[in-house]
Amino acid sequence: MTGRNVLVVGGGIGGLSAAIALRQAGLAVTVLERQHDLHSSIFGVGIIQPINALRALDALGCAQACMDAGYPASEWGAMYDVDGNHLHPCGARRSRDPTCPR
């Protein structure tokens, strides 16, 4: 450790990702989160990891663990017009990009 301390406020996906990267850079990190554990918040449920997010998680060394803990979505949602009429579903498919973590 370098003797420098960093305080990260918020234990969501952004705060925890920042904390991991800072620790990997050799800094001492403390994360403050108002919830008593990481499973007690309703925020962040149903997180979809697009390719750029998977690459960022891979750079942090935790993409595979995140993919192992989750499951693939069969649909991402749907498209609606301005009046709320359903236009079509938005199906999910696995990326064919060879640089994307698998």
Protein backbone atom coordinates (compact mmCIF):
# COMPACT_ATOMS: atom_id res chain seq x y z
CA MET A 1 0.00 0.00 0.00
CA THR A 2 1.15 3.52 -0.71
CA GLY A 3 -0.17 5.03 2.51
CA ARG A 4 -2.88 6.87 0.60
CA ASN A 5 -6.47 6.18 1.59
CA VAL A 6 -9.50 6.54 -0.67
CA LEU A 7 -13.10 6.75 0.52
CA VAL A 8 -15.73 5.46 -1.94
CA VAL A 9 -19.29 6.47 -1.11
CA GLY A 10 -21.79 3.93 -2.42
CA GLY A 11 -21.49 0.17 -2.73
CA GLY A 12 -23.33 -0.17 -6.02
CA ILE A 13 -21.79 -1.49 -9.20
CA GLY A 14 -19.94 1.78 -9.86
CA GLY A 15 -18.60 2.19 -6.34
CA LEU A 16 -17.48 -1.42 -6.02
CA SER A 17 -15.86 -1.34 -9.46
CA ALA A 18 -13.98 1.83 -8.52
CA ALA A 19 -12.91 0.24 -5.22
CA ILE A 20 -11.57 -2.87 -7.00
CA ALA A 21 -9.61 -0.77 -9.51
CA LEU A 22 -8.19 1.46 -6.76
CA ARG A 23 -7.12 -1.57 -4.70
CA GLN A 24 -5.48 -3.08 -7.76
CA ALA A 25 -3.58 0.23 -8.14
CA GLY A 26 -2.23 -0.24 -4.60
CA LEU A 27 -4.42 2.20 -2.70
CA ALA A 28 -6.18 1.56 0.59
CA VAL A 29 -9.92 1.78 0.00
CA THR A 30 -12.92 2.07 2.32
CA VAL A 31 -16.42 1.70 0.83
CA LEU A 32 -19.38 3.30 2.61
CA GLU A 33 -22.83 1.90 1.86
CA ARG A 34 -26.01 2.82 3.70
CA GLN A 35 -27.56 -0.64 3.31
CA HIS A 36 -26.49 -3.21 5.89
CA ASP A 37 -25.55 -5.75 3.19
CA LEU A 38 -25.26 -5.91 -0.57
CA HIS A 39 -28.52 -7.86 -0.95
CA SER A 40 -30.80 -5.47 0.95
CA SER A 41 -31.17 -2.80 -1.74
CA ILE A 42 -33.82 -2.97 -4.44
CA PHE A 43 -31.63 -0.82 -6.68
CA GLY A 44 -29.46 -2.50 -9.30
CA VAL A 45 -31.69 -5.52 -9.83
CA GLY A 46 -31.81 -6.91 -13.33
CA ILE A 47 -28.50 -5.44 -14.42
CA ILE A 48 -27.75 -6.13 -18.07
CA GLN A 49 -24.06 -6.27 -18.93
CA PRO A 50 -23.48 -4.98 -22.47
CA ILE A 51 -20.19 -5.78 -24.17
CA ASN A 52 -18.43 -2.62 -22.95
CA ALA A 53 -19.39 -3.39 -19.33
CA LEU A 54 -18.16 -6.97 -19.66
CA ARG A 55 -14.84 -5.68 -20.99
CA ALA A 56 -14.56 -3.34 -17.99
CA LEU A 57 -15.36 -6.19 -15.59
CA ASP A 58 -12.79 -8.34 -17.41
CA ALA A 59 -10.15 -5.62 -16.91
CA LEU A 60 -10.98 -5.72 -13.18
CA GLY A 61 -10.61 -9.50 -13.21
CA CYS A 62 -14.19 -10.32 -12.28
CA ALA A 63 -16.11 -10.74 -15.56
CA GLN A 64 -16.22 -14.52 -15.38
CA ALA A 65 -17.41 -14.53 -11.76
CA CYS A 66 -20.19 -12.06 -12.67
CA MET A 67 -21.26 -14.16 -15.65
CA ASP A 68 -21.17 -17.33 -13.54
CA ALA A 69 -23.39 -15.68 -10.90
CA GLY A 70 -25.93 -14.45 -13.45
CA TYR A 71 -27.86 -15.98 -16.29
CA PRO A 72 -28.49 -14.98 -19.90
CA ALA A 73 -31.64 -13.04 -20.69
CA SER A 74 -33.98 -14.35 -23.35
CA GLU A 75 -35.31 -10.82 -24.01
CA TRP A 76 -34.12 -7.34 -23.14
CA GLY A 77 -37.50 -5.68 -23.30
CA ALA A 78 -39.62 -4.23 -26.04
CA MET A 79 -40.00 -1.15 -28.23
CA TYR A 80 -43.08 1.05 -27.81
CA ASP A 81 -44.27 4.10 -29.72
CA VAL A 82 -44.95 7.47 -28.04
CA ASP A 83 -48.53 6.39 -27.27
CA GLY A 84 -47.39 3.22 -25.49
CA ASN A 85 -48.34 0.81 -28.27
CA HIS A 86 -46.14 -2.27 -28.46
CA LEU A 87 -44.04 -2.27 -31.63
CA HIS A 88 -41.82 -5.36 -31.23
CA PRO A 89 -39.80 -7.30 -28.68
CA CYS A 90 -36.06 -6.77 -28.31
CA GLY A 91 -34.60 -10.24 -28.26
CA ALA A 92 -31.28 -11.03 -26.63
CA ARG A 93 -28.45 -12.81 -28.34
CA ARG A 94 -24.89 -13.64 -27.48
CA SER A 95 -22.28 -11.37 -29.02
CA ARG A 96 -20.09 -12.82 -31.73
CA ASP A 97 -17.35 -10.31 -30.87
CA PRO A 98 -14.19 -12.36 -30.14
CA THR A 99 -12.93 -9.69 -27.71
CA CYS A 100 -15.97 -10.06 -25.47
CA PRO A 101 -15.51 -12.22 -22.35
CA ARG A 102 -17.41 -15.51 -22.60
